[in-house]
Protein backbone atom coordinates (compact mmCIF):
# COMPACT_ATOMS: atom_id res chain seq x y z
CA UNK A 1 74.95 100.77 53.59
CA UNK A 2 75.94 104.20 53.44
CA UNK A 3 78.88 105.49 55.66
CA UNK A 4 78.02 107.16 58.79
CA UNK A 5 79.14 110.54 59.08
CA UNK A 6 81.69 111.48 62.05
CA UNK A 7 79.79 112.20 65.24
CA UNK A 8 76.52 110.62 64.16
CA UNK A 9 75.31 108.39 66.75
CA UNK A 10 79.26 107.59 67.58
CA UNK A 11 79.45 105.47 64.44
CA UNK A 12 83.05 105.43 62.69
CA UNK A 13 83.69 106.64 59.27
CA UNK A 14 85.02 103.54 57.87
CA UNK A 15 84.92 100.01 59.22
CA UNK A 16 88.24 99.44 60.44
CA UNK A 17 87.89 102.48 62.60
CA UNK A 18 88.42 101.74 66.32
CA UNK A 19 84.96 101.33 68.10
CA UNK A 20 84.57 104.50 70.15
CA UNK A 21 83.07 102.87 73.32
CA UNK A 22 86.59 101.24 73.83
CA UNK A 23 88.45 104.27 73.04
CA UNK A 24 90.44 105.85 75.91
CA UNK A 25 88.06 108.97 77.15
CA UNK A 26 89.20 112.06 75.92
CA UNK A 27 88.96 115.07 78.40
CA UNK A 28 86.44 117.66 76.90
CA UNK A 29 88.04 120.94 76.29
CA UNK A 30 87.03 123.88 78.71
CA UNK A 31 84.09 125.44 77.23
CA UNK A 32 85.08 128.84 76.53
CA UNK A 33 81.33 130.29 75.96
CA UNK A 34 80.43 128.89 79.47
CA UNK A 35 83.52 130.52 80.87
CA UNK A 36 82.82 133.78 79.45
CA UNK A 37 79.05 133.75 80.75
CA UNK A 38 80.52 132.76 84.08
CA UNK A 39 82.92 135.36 84.28
CA UNK A 40 80.48 138.05 83.49
CA UNK A 41 78.04 136.81 86.03
CA UNK A 42 80.40 136.43 88.93
CA UNK A 43 81.87 139.84 88.44
CA UNK A 44 78.70 141.22 90.13
CA UNK A 45 80.41 139.74 93.06
CA UNK A 46 83.30 142.48 93.13
CA UNK A 47 80.72 144.99 94.50
CA UNK A 48 80.41 142.96 97.71
CA UNK A 49 83.99 142.06 98.00
CA UNK A 50 85.03 145.70 97.23
CA UNK A 51 82.57 146.85 99.99
CA UNK A 52 83.85 144.41 102.52
CA UNK A 53 87.56 145.29 101.62
CA UNK A 54 87.11 149.08 101.71
CA UNK A 55 85.01 149.38 104.86
CA UNK A 56 87.86 147.50 106.94
CA UNK A 57 90.13 150.58 106.36
CA UNK A 58 87.82 153.25 105.79
CA UNK A 59 86.34 152.48 109.20
CA UNK A 60 89.30 153.89 111.03
CA UNK A 61 88.94 157.17 109.16
CA UNK A 62 84.93 157.27 109.36
CA UNK A 63 85.30 157.12 113.17
CA UNK A 64 87.90 159.84 113.67
CA UNK A 65 85.88 161.98 111.27
CA UNK A 66 82.05 161.32 112.36
CA UNK A 67 82.97 161.11 115.99
CA UNK A 68 81.28 157.75 116.35
CA UNK A 69 81.65 155.08 118.99
CA UNK A 70 82.94 151.40 118.55
CA UNK A 71 79.16 150.22 118.79
CA UNK A 72 78.26 152.59 115.95
CA UNK A 73 81.20 151.16 113.80
CA UNK A 74 80.19 147.66 114.51
CA UNK A 75 76.74 148.20 113.26
CA UNK A 76 78.17 150.25 110.31
CA UNK A 77 80.29 147.23 109.47
CA UNK A 78 77.83 144.54 109.82
CA UNK A 79 74.40 145.99 108.93
CA UNK A 80 74.99 145.67 104.99
CA UNK A 81 74.59 141.95 105.61
CA UNK A 82 71.20 142.34 107.30
CA UNK A 83 70.05 144.87 104.50
CA UNK A 84 71.04 142.44 102.10
CA UNK A 85 68.20 139.86 103.35
CA UNK A 86 65.99 141.96 101.64
CA UNK A 87 67.70 141.67 98.25
CA UNK A 88 68.22 138.04 98.46
CA UNK A 89 64.70 137.22 99.43
CA UNK A 90 63.26 139.21 96.61
CA UNK A 91 65.77 137.73 94.30
CA UNK A 92 64.39 134.22 94.08
CA UNK A 93 61.07 135.45 92.82
CA UNK A 94 62.58 138.20 90.80
CA UNK A 95 64.79 135.77 88.80
CA UNK A 96 61.94 133.58 88.14
CA UNK A 97 59.79 136.70 86.86
CA UNK A 98 62.17 138.78 84.75
CA UNK A 99 65.20 136.06 84.45
CA UNK A 100 68.60 135.39 85.69
CA UNK A 101 70.36 137.98 83.23
CA UNK A 102 68.29 140.87 84.14
CA UNK A 103 68.34 140.12 87.94
CA UNK A 104 72.04 140.56 87.88
CA UNK A 105 71.72 143.83 85.98
CA UNK A 106 69.40 145.13 88.56
CA UNK A 107 71.80 143.98 91.52
CA UNK A 108 74.47 146.19 89.73
CA UNK A 109 72.23 149.12 89.46
CA UNK A 110 71.15 149.19 93.07
CA UNK A 111 74.58 148.87 94.18
CA UNK A 112 75.77 151.74 92.15
CA UNK A 113 72.91 153.88 93.61
CA UNK A 114 74.07 152.74 97.19
CA UNK A 115 77.99 153.51 96.60
CA UNK A 116 77.32 157.03 95.44
CA UNK A 117 75.02 157.59 98.52
CA UNK A 118 77.56 156.40 100.80
CA UNK A 119 80.64 158.46 98.99
CA UNK A 120 78.59 161.69 99.37
CA UNK A 121 77.18 161.09 102.94
CA UNK A 122 77.33 164.39 104.90
CA UNK A 123 76.82 162.18 108.50
CA UNK A 124 76.31 158.90 110.00
CA UNK A 125 72.69 158.54 109.41
CA UNK A 126 73.01 159.26 105.78
CA UNK A 127 75.80 156.76 105.47
CA UNK A 128 73.41 154.39 106.86
CA UNK A 129 71.06 154.90 104.30
CA UNK A 130 73.74 154.23 101.68
CA UNK A 131 74.40 151.02 103.29
CA UNK A 132 70.77 150.11 103.33
CA UNK A 133 70.69 150.51 99.30
CA UNK A 134 73.91 148.96 98.72
CA UNK A 135 72.88 145.98 101.03
CA UNK A 136 69.77 145.26 98.73
CA UNK A 137 71.95 145.02 95.83
CA UNK A 138 74.49 142.94 97.54
CA UNK A 139 71.61 140.44 98.41
CA UNK A 140 70.71 140.29 94.93
CA UNK A 141 74.25 139.84 93.43
CA UNK A 142 75.06 137.08 96.15
CA UNK A 143 71.94 135.06 95.28
CA UNK A 144 71.82 135.03 91.69
CA UNK A 145 75.49 135.08 90.47
CA UNK A 146 76.14 131.34 91.49
CA UNK A 147 72.62 130.25 90.52
CA UNK A 148 73.11 131.63 86.95
CA UNK A 149 76.53 130.06 86.66
CA UNK A 150 75.58 126.72 87.75
CA UNK A 151 72.83 126.54 85.48
CA UNK A 152 74.91 127.35 82.36
CA UNK A 153 77.84 125.23 83.30
CA UNK A 154 78.72 121.86 81.85
CA UNK A 155 78.97 119.10 84.61
CA UNK A 156 82.50 118.60 83.74
CA UNK A 157 83.49 122.18 84.88
CA UNK A 158 80.74 123.28 87.08
CA UNK A 159 82.57 123.26 90.35
CA UNK A 160 85.27 125.29 88.50
CA UNK A 161 82.80 128.03 87.02
CA UNK A 162 80.57 128.01 89.99
CA UNK A 163 83.58 129.08 92.24
CA UNK A 164 83.92 132.19 90.12
CA UNK A 165 81.62 134.31 92.52
CA UNK A 166 83.88 133.82 95.38
CA UNK A 167 86.99 134.52 93.31
CA UNK A 168 85.59 138.01 92.39
CA UNK A 169 84.51 138.51 96.14
CA UNK A 170 88.10 138.05 97.04
CA UNK A 171 89.37 140.24 94.15
CA UNK A 172 87.06 142.87 95.20
CA UNK A 173 88.14 142.70 98.99
CA UNK A 174 91.83 142.82 97.62
CA UNK A 175 90.65 146.10 95.76
CA UNK A 176 89.01 147.65 98.80
CA UNK A 177 92.22 147.19 100.65
CA UNK A 178 94.43 148.75 97.76
CA UNK A 179 91.77 151.55 97.74
CA UNK A 180 92.26 151.96 101.54
CA UNK A 181 96.03 152.38 101.14
CA UNK A 182 95.89 154.66 97.94
CA UNK A 183 93.31 157.20 99.58
CA UNK A 184 94.59 157.04 103.02
CA UNK A 185 96.73 160.11 102.61
CA UNK A 186 94.01 162.35 101.57
CA UNK A 187 92.56 164.72 104.09
CA UNK A 188 90.39 162.85 106.74
CA UNK A 189 86.92 164.31 105.44
CA UNK A 190 87.65 163.18 101.91
CA UNK A 191 89.66 160.13 101.85
CA UNK A 192 87.01 157.62 103.09
CA UNK A 193 84.33 159.06 101.01
CA UNK A 194 86.33 158.60 97.85
CA UNK A 195 87.16 154.78 99.05
CA UNK A 196 83.62 154.29 99.26
CA UNK A 197 82.12 156.16 96.17
CA UNK A 198 84.78 154.68 93.71
CA UNK A 199 82.94 151.39 94.32
CA UNK A 200 80.13 152.93 91.99
CA UNK A 201 82.56 152.74 88.89
CA UNK A 202 82.71 148.80 88.37
CA UNK A 203 78.97 148.27 88.26
CA UNK A 204 78.70 150.61 85.43
CA UNK A 205 80.68 148.34 83.15
CA UNK A 206 79.09 145.22 84.68
CA UNK A 207 75.55 146.10 83.91
CA UNK A 208 76.69 146.57 80.26
CA UNK A 209 78.79 143.51 80.08
CA UNK A 210 76.07 141.19 81.61
CA UNK A 211 73.53 142.18 78.60
CA UNK A 212 75.79 140.33 76.29
CA UNK A 213 75.08 136.96 78.19
CA UNK A 214 72.56 134.74 77.22
CA UNK A 215 69.62 133.94 79.37
CA UNK A 216 69.76 130.50 81.70
CA UNK A 217 68.74 127.75 79.71
CA UNK A 218 66.85 126.42 82.67
CA UNK A 219 64.65 129.49 83.25
CA UNK A 220 64.02 129.46 79.40
CA UNK A 221 62.56 125.93 79.73
CA UNK A 222 60.74 126.98 83.08
CA UNK A 223 59.08 129.70 80.37
CA UNK A 224 58.41 127.16 77.64
CA UNK A 225 60.99 128.47 75.34
CA UNK A 226 62.36 125.29 74.50
CA UNK A 227 64.13 126.38 71.17
CA UNK A 228 66.01 129.23 72.92
CA UNK A 229 67.09 126.89 75.77
CA UNK A 230 68.37 124.30 73.16
CA UNK A 231 70.53 127.11 71.71
CA UNK A 232 71.97 128.12 74.86
CA UNK A 233 72.71 124.47 75.69
CA UNK A 234 74.24 123.69 72.46
CA UNK A 235 76.72 126.65 73.12
CA UNK A 236 77.24 125.98 76.85
CA UNK A 237 77.86 121.99 76.80
CA UNK A 238 80.90 120.02 75.90
CA UNK A 239 78.99 117.87 73.16
CA UNK A 240 75.78 118.14 71.24
CA UNK A 241 75.02 114.87 73.03
CA UNK A 242 75.49 116.22 76.35
CA UNK A 243 73.34 119.45 75.24
CA UNK A 244 70.66 117.11 74.33
CA UNK A 245 70.70 114.89 77.65
CA UNK A 246 70.77 118.21 79.65
CA UNK A 247 67.69 119.57 77.92
CA UNK A 248 65.73 116.20 78.70
CA UNK A 249 66.72 116.36 82.30
CA UNK A 250 65.65 120.30 82.60
CA UNK A 251 62.53 119.46 80.83
CA UNK A 252 61.75 116.61 83.22
CA UNK A 253 62.58 118.48 86.16
CA UNK A 254 60.22 121.33 84.81
CA UNK A 255 57.37 119.07 84.12
CA UNK A 256 57.29 119.17 80.57
CA UNK A 257 57.11 115.97 78.69
CA UNK A 258 60.04 114.69 76.65
CA UNK A 259 58.33 114.25 73.58
CA UNK A 260 57.47 118.13 73.37
CA UNK A 261 60.20 119.47 71.29
CA UNK A 262 58.41 122.71 69.84
CA UNK A 263 60.33 125.99 70.12
CA UNK A 264 57.80 127.37 72.32
CA UNK A 265 55.48 125.19 74.32
CA UNK A 266 52.95 126.25 77.29
CA UNK A 267 54.85 125.98 80.37
CA UNK A 268 53.35 124.22 83.35
CA UNK A 269 51.19 126.18 85.46
CA UNK A 270 52.85 127.66 88.54
CA UNK A 271 51.48 129.20 91.55
CA UNK A 272 54.09 132.05 92.23
CA UNK A 273 56.32 130.01 94.49
CA UNK A 274 53.61 129.10 97.31
CA UNK A 275 54.04 125.48 96.37
CA UNK A 276 57.86 125.66 96.39
CA UNK A 277 57.74 127.14 99.83
CA UNK A 278 55.57 124.16 101.13
CA UNK A 279 57.81 121.72 99.18
CA UNK A 280 60.83 123.20 100.95
CA UNK A 281 59.61 124.01 104.48
CA UNK A 282 56.26 122.49 105.10
CA UNK A 283 56.07 119.09 103.22
CA UNK A 284 59.90 118.27 102.25
CA UNK A 285 60.67 114.75 101.02
CA UNK A 286 63.57 113.33 103.08
CA UNK A 287 65.87 114.20 100.11
CA UNK A 288 64.81 117.63 100.02
CA UNK A 289 65.11 117.75 103.94
CA UNK A 290 68.65 116.41 103.76
CA UNK A 291 69.39 118.86 100.89
CA UNK A 292 68.13 121.84 103.09
CA UNK A 293 70.21 120.87 105.92
CA UNK A 294 73.38 120.67 104.26
CA UNK A 295 72.62 123.75 101.96
CA UNK A 296 71.75 125.85 105.20
CA UNK A 297 74.31 124.34 107.18
CA UNK A 298 77.26 124.86 104.95
CA UNK A 299 76.51 128.74 104.86
CA UNK A 300 76.02 128.83 108.37
CA UNK A 301 79.40 127.34 109.29
CA UNK A 302 81.32 129.62 106.52
CA UNK A 303 80.28 132.76 108.55
CA UNK A 304 80.13 131.32 111.96
CA UNK A 305 83.87 130.27 111.66
CA UNK A 306 84.96 134.02 111.71
CA UNK A 307 85.80 134.87 108.15
CA UNK A 308 84.25 138.36 108.32
CA UNK A 309 85.71 139.03 111.66
CA UNK A 310 89.12 138.59 110.15
CA UNK A 311 88.36 140.44 107.01
CA UNK A 312 86.58 143.35 108.30
CA UNK A 313 88.43 144.07 111.45
CA UNK A 314 91.96 142.96 110.28
CA UNK A 315 93.39 146.43 111.18
CA UNK A 316 92.03 145.94 114.75
CA UNK A 317 93.40 142.54 115.04
CA UNK A 318 96.99 143.60 113.87
CA UNK A 319 96.78 146.65 116.33
CA UNK A 320 95.97 144.26 119.01
CA UNK A 321 98.73 142.10 117.88
CA UNK A 322 101.09 145.25 118.44
CA UNK A 323 101.27 146.84 114.93
CA UNK A 324 100.19 150.59 115.83
CA UNK A 325 101.20 152.77 112.78
CA UNK A 326 98.09 153.04 110.54
CA UNK A 327 100.06 152.59 107.12
CA UNK A 328 101.75 149.54 108.71
CA UNK A 329 98.37 148.27 109.68
CA UNK A 330 96.72 148.86 106.13
CA UNK A 331 100.01 147.26 104.40
CA UNK A 332 99.32 143.85 106.57
CA UNK A 333 95.85 144.05 105.64
CA UNK A 334 96.73 144.08 101.89
CA UNK A 335 99.01 141.05 102.63
CA UNK A 336 95.72 139.44 103.91
CA UNK A 337 93.80 140.24 100.50
CA UNK A 338 96.81 139.06 98.37
CA UNK A 339 97.07 135.70 100.12
CA UNK A 340 93.21 135.37 99.99
CA UNK A 341 92.99 135.88 96.15
CA UNK A 342 95.86 133.76 95.22
CA UNK A 343 94.53 130.83 97.32
CA UNK A 344 91.03 131.19 95.68
CA UNK A 345 92.57 131.02 92.44
CA UNK A 346 94.50 127.91 93.22
CA UNK A 347 90.96 126.31 94.65
CA UNK A 348 89.21 126.91 91.58
CA UNK A 349 91.65 124.71 89.39
CA UNK A 350 91.26 121.98 92.05
CA UNK A 351 87.48 121.90 92.86
CA UNK A 352 86.84 119.72 89.57
CA UNK A 353 89.90 117.45 90.08
CA UNK A 354 90.21 116.96 93.77
CA UNK A 355 86.30 117.12 94.59
CA UNK A 356 84.35 118.72 96.95
CA UNK A 357 84.47 117.12 99.99
CA UNK A 358 88.44 116.61 100.32
CA UNK A 359 89.05 120.39 99.79
CA UNK A 360 86.26 121.21 102.28
CA UNK A 361 87.74 119.07 105.04
CA UNK A 362 91.37 120.15 104.33
CA UNK A 363 90.27 123.55 104.49
CA UNK A 364 88.19 123.49 107.74
CA UNK A 365 91.14 121.46 109.32
CA UNK A 366 93.55 124.01 108.53
CA UNK A 367 91.38 126.77 109.81
CA UNK A 368 90.70 125.15 113.16
CA UNK A 369 94.73 124.97 113.48
CA UNK A 370 95.42 128.71 112.52
CA UNK A 371 92.45 129.60 114.59
CA UNK A 372 93.77 128.12 117.57
CA UNK A 373 97.53 129.52 117.09
CA UNK A 374 96.17 133.03 116.40
CA UNK A 375 94.12 132.65 119.66
CA UNK A 376 97.42 131.60 121.47
CA UNK A 377 99.33 134.42 120.02
CA UNK A 378 96.87 137.01 120.75
CA UNK A 379 96.29 135.77 124.33
CA UNK A 380 100.02 135.83 125.24
CA UNK A 381 100.37 139.53 123.67
CA UNK A 382 97.41 140.37 125.84
CA UNK A 383 98.87 139.27 129.01
CA UNK A 384 102.31 140.58 128.33
CA UNK A 385 103.40 144.17 129.18
CA UNK A 386 106.48 144.37 126.70
CA UNK A 387 106.75 143.64 123.10
CA UNK A 388 106.95 140.13 121.84
CA UNK A 389 108.21 139.83 118.43
CA UNK A 390 107.70 136.43 118.00
CA UNK A 391 104.15 136.68 119.18
CA UNK A 392 103.49 139.35 116.65
CA UNK A 393 105.02 137.57 113.83
CA UNK A 394 102.83 134.42 114.66
CA UNK A 395 99.77 136.47 114.64
CA UNK A 396 100.61 137.72 111.44
CA UNK A 397 101.42 134.46 109.75
CA UNK A 398 98.47 132.62 111.24
CA UNK A 399 95.84 135.10 109.91
CA UNK A 400 97.44 134.65 106.68
CA UNK A 401 97.06 130.66 106.98
CA UNK A 402 93.58 131.09 108.15
CA UNK A 403 92.46 133.23 105.11
CA UNK A 404 94.44 130.72 102.96
CA UNK A 405 92.67 127.64 104.24
CA UNK A 406 89.55 129.21 103.83
CA UNK A 407 90.13 130.16 100.33
CA UNK A 408 91.05 126.68 99.26
CA UNK A 409 87.82 125.21 100.43
CA UNK A 410 85.33 126.78 102.90
CA UNK A 411 85.17 130.07 100.83
CA UNK A 412 84.21 128.82 97.20
CA UNK A 413 82.88 125.33 97.87
CA UNK A 414 80.00 126.99 100.06
CA UNK A 415 78.61 128.86 96.82
CA UNK A 416 79.46 125.83 94.35
CA UNK A 417 77.83 123.03 96.71
CA UNK A 418 74.69 125.11 97.67
CA UNK A 419 73.92 126.13 93.92
CA UNK A 420 74.00 122.60 92.50
CA UNK A 421 72.22 120.52 95.06
CA UNK A 422 68.64 121.75 95.11
CA UNK A 423 66.14 120.35 92.35
CA UNK A 424 65.37 122.78 89.71
CA UNK A 425 62.04 123.82 90.72
CA UNK A 426 63.26 124.58 94.41
CA UNK A 427 66.68 125.93 93.51
CA UNK A 428 66.04 129.97 93.50
CA UNK A 429 64.13 129.73 96.76
CA UNK A 430 66.47 127.33 98.18
CA UNK A 431 69.54 129.24 97.42
CA UNK A 432 67.86 132.55 98.69
CA UNK A 433 67.48 130.81 101.85
CA UNK A 434 70.92 129.75 102.07
CA UNK A 435 72.28 133.11 101.40
CA UNK A 436 69.82 134.48 104.06
CA UNK A 437 71.51 132.33 106.64
CA UNK A 438 74.81 133.48 105.52
CA UNK A 439 74.17 137.00 105.67
CA UNK A 440 72.41 136.86 108.99
CA UNK A 441 75.37 134.92 110.52
CA UNK A 442 77.60 137.46 109.04
CA UNK A 443 75.87 140.13 110.38
CA UNK A 444 75.73 138.84 113.87
CA UNK A 445 79.22 138.26 113.77
CA UNK A 446 80.36 141.62 112.19
CA UNK A 447 78.18 143.36 114.48
CA UNK A 448 79.41 141.76 117.84
CA UNK A 449 82.98 141.05 117.17
CA UNK A 450 84.29 144.18 118.87
CA UNK A 451 82.01 143.61 121.99
CA UNK A 452 82.56 139.89 122.07
CA UNK A 453 86.44 140.80 122.15
CA UNK A 454 85.98 143.06 124.88
CA UNK A 455 83.74 140.38 127.05
CA UNK A 456 86.03 137.53 126.59
CA UNK A 457 89.15 138.89 125.15
CA UNK A 458 90.33 139.12 121.53
CA UNK A 459 92.13 135.79 121.99
CA UNK A 460 88.81 134.15 123.50
CA UNK A 461 86.90 135.29 120.73
CA UNK A 462 89.37 133.21 118.19
CA UNK A 463 89.30 130.20 120.56
CA UNK A 464 85.39 130.50 120.25
CA UNK A 465 85.62 130.39 116.38
CA UNK A 466 88.04 127.54 116.39
CA UNK A 467 85.52 125.57 118.29
CA UNK A 468 82.80 126.21 115.93
CA UNK A 469 85.19 125.55 113.00
CA UNK A 470 85.60 121.93 114.62
CA UNK A 471 81.69 121.36 115.23
CA UNK A 472 81.47 122.16 111.21
CA UNK A 473 84.25 119.68 110.34
CA UNK A 474 82.07 117.15 112.11
CA UNK A 475 79.05 118.09 110.50
CA UNK A 476 80.61 118.17 106.94
CA UNK A 477 82.32 114.79 107.60
CA UNK A 478 79.05 113.24 108.33
CA UNK A 479 76.38 114.71 106.36
CA UNK A 480 77.89 116.14 102.98
CA UNK A 481 78.03 113.67 100.02
CA UNK A 482 80.37 114.44 97.13
CA UNK A 483 78.80 116.08 94.16
CA UNK A 484 81.59 116.26 91.45
CA UNK A 485 80.33 115.14 88.09
CA UNK A 486 77.16 114.69 88.76
CA UNK A 487 74.46 116.37 86.90
CA UNK A 488 72.12 119.01 88.46
CA UNK A 489 69.18 116.88 88.04
CA UNK A 490 70.14 113.79 89.60
CA UNK A 491 71.17 115.30 93.12
CA UNK A 492 68.08 114.35 94.64
CA UNK A 493 68.90 110.78 94.28
CA UNK A 494 71.95 111.17 96.17
CA UNK A 495 70.44 112.84 98.91
CA UNK A 496 67.70 111.50 101.48
CA UNK A 497 69.79 109.08 103.48
CA UNK A 498 71.56 111.38 105.98
CA UNK A 499 74.11 109.76 107.87
CA UNK A 500 73.94 106.86 105.37
CA UNK A 501 74.84 108.98 102.06
CA UNK A 502 77.87 106.79 101.46
CA UNK A 503 75.97 103.54 100.98
CA UNK A 504 73.53 105.21 98.49
CA UNK A 505 76.83 106.78 96.67
CA UNK A 506 78.03 103.18 96.36
CA UNK A 507 74.76 101.91 95.04
CA UNK A 508 74.64 104.66 92.26
CA UNK A 509 78.24 103.89 91.51
CA UNK A 510 77.59 100.37 90.89
CA UNK A 511 74.29 100.97 89.12
CA UNK A 512 76.27 103.52 86.65
CA UNK A 513 78.82 100.86 86.08
CA UNK A 514 76.26 98.07 85.06
CA UNK A 515 74.55 100.71 82.65
CA UNK A 516 78.10 101.73 81.00
CA UNK A 517 78.67 98.23 80.37
CA UNK A 518 75.23 97.36 79.00
CA UNK A 519 75.41 100.54 76.64
CA UNK A 520 79.01 99.50 75.94
CA UNK A 521 77.97 96.16 74.68
CA UNK A 522 74.87 97.65 72.71
CA UNK A 523 77.24 100.04 71.04
CA UNK A 524 79.39 97.13 70.07
CA UNK A 525 76.73 95.22 68.56
CA UNK A 526 75.56 98.20 66.74
CA UNK A 527 78.86 99.35 65.28
CA UNK A 528 79.16 95.38 64.28
CA UNK A 529 75.89 95.34 62.78
CA UNK A 530 76.94 98.64 60.76
CA UNK A 531 80.03 97.23 59.41
CA UNK A 532 78.47 94.09 58.27
């Protein structure tokens, strides 16, 4: 028999070569093409981050220039999250209609228009209209970036790549803080307008860069374009074998028979999403119900634990802590953005090594401790009639600790986890629901923080956030399975037993070990036959 070529079914070149099944497994190299696609898609998240960061400082000058009340400031800060619901609600159907890639371009274009409108706003009403347009663009970007990234990423680096949207949100927040400081010395009626208007520039480059990306292979399969999907999978997988397995899994999830290998097939007839919503909400299987509970729960707790209160109102928090000078407040706020960005970068390298659960639980535990200490420090300062230096230092340190702990787990894992657990046919709408809950919760927190602080004191507000984070810890510990290393298509098997998910995971692990052993024995026998 002629010698097999290397890589052909795993057979060795020479009879004396070691049997591949018994070689130590080599860690696959990072797929550079998938890496580039994830970066381009996730850069849309810079737009949201910049808006959050820049509004934190710009609100100081907007209040002075337009003579608005604290209630109007709250609405201005938080209303973008509610407006973004329109974008995220429409993004699921839009991405299924025109594709993931062009939906990302649309998000950048809408935000571009919104940033210009805010930059040229002559009054509060016009500024709110600009917030509306920008909010719709943010909603599109929040939903589609993690979905696209999860769908092009190989399983070995999906956590790393799917965390990119959160990385770029943090980078955008830092840019917004820097913009606050850079333009704070301009005259009052010009500085805040430039801060907001500059946000239009990145969206131009993003819209052009995204056009260089391929379409999502899962969307291509759903359109029946199997040849195009196979070419994208070949470029975004760690090996040819993985590309073939991913294609088989996607075809199965999309309802296309495995033996259909034509470049273009007639896709299964879909009814424009009505059946999807029925499967999600009206008649969900136990697995889908469990997935929906965890997907929505993680989005809710991410925002309910107070991150937007800290990020949006950090100048106010530092003022309450005893830092009165505007320049010093902005410098302290820049430190928050810097720490948040550094620790999100650390998290991206740990996601596929440590797993989702250990990072998430460590993150939430650290948030509980830092929120409690911050609340104690602010309460002491609030009840003191003179400056307490150590309490001011405690507040500054605990704010930095809080955003650091948030960034190593709760921040990125929310988007990674929710984008990878939904089945293919439910993914776009399921992620839209998670984003909707995320934005509503963020909007409520953002639009009530100042009023809440006046009602129960600012220290009391952070005690409340610490309590919510404690509930989140229990929820995550009991209901969230580990998803590291699993393909997107086998998630449904892991879910459905709710509090007994650990037993299911052990059963799947034993089954995989048996299958691996059987495959290994079969490979040995095939290789022996070939040598003979």
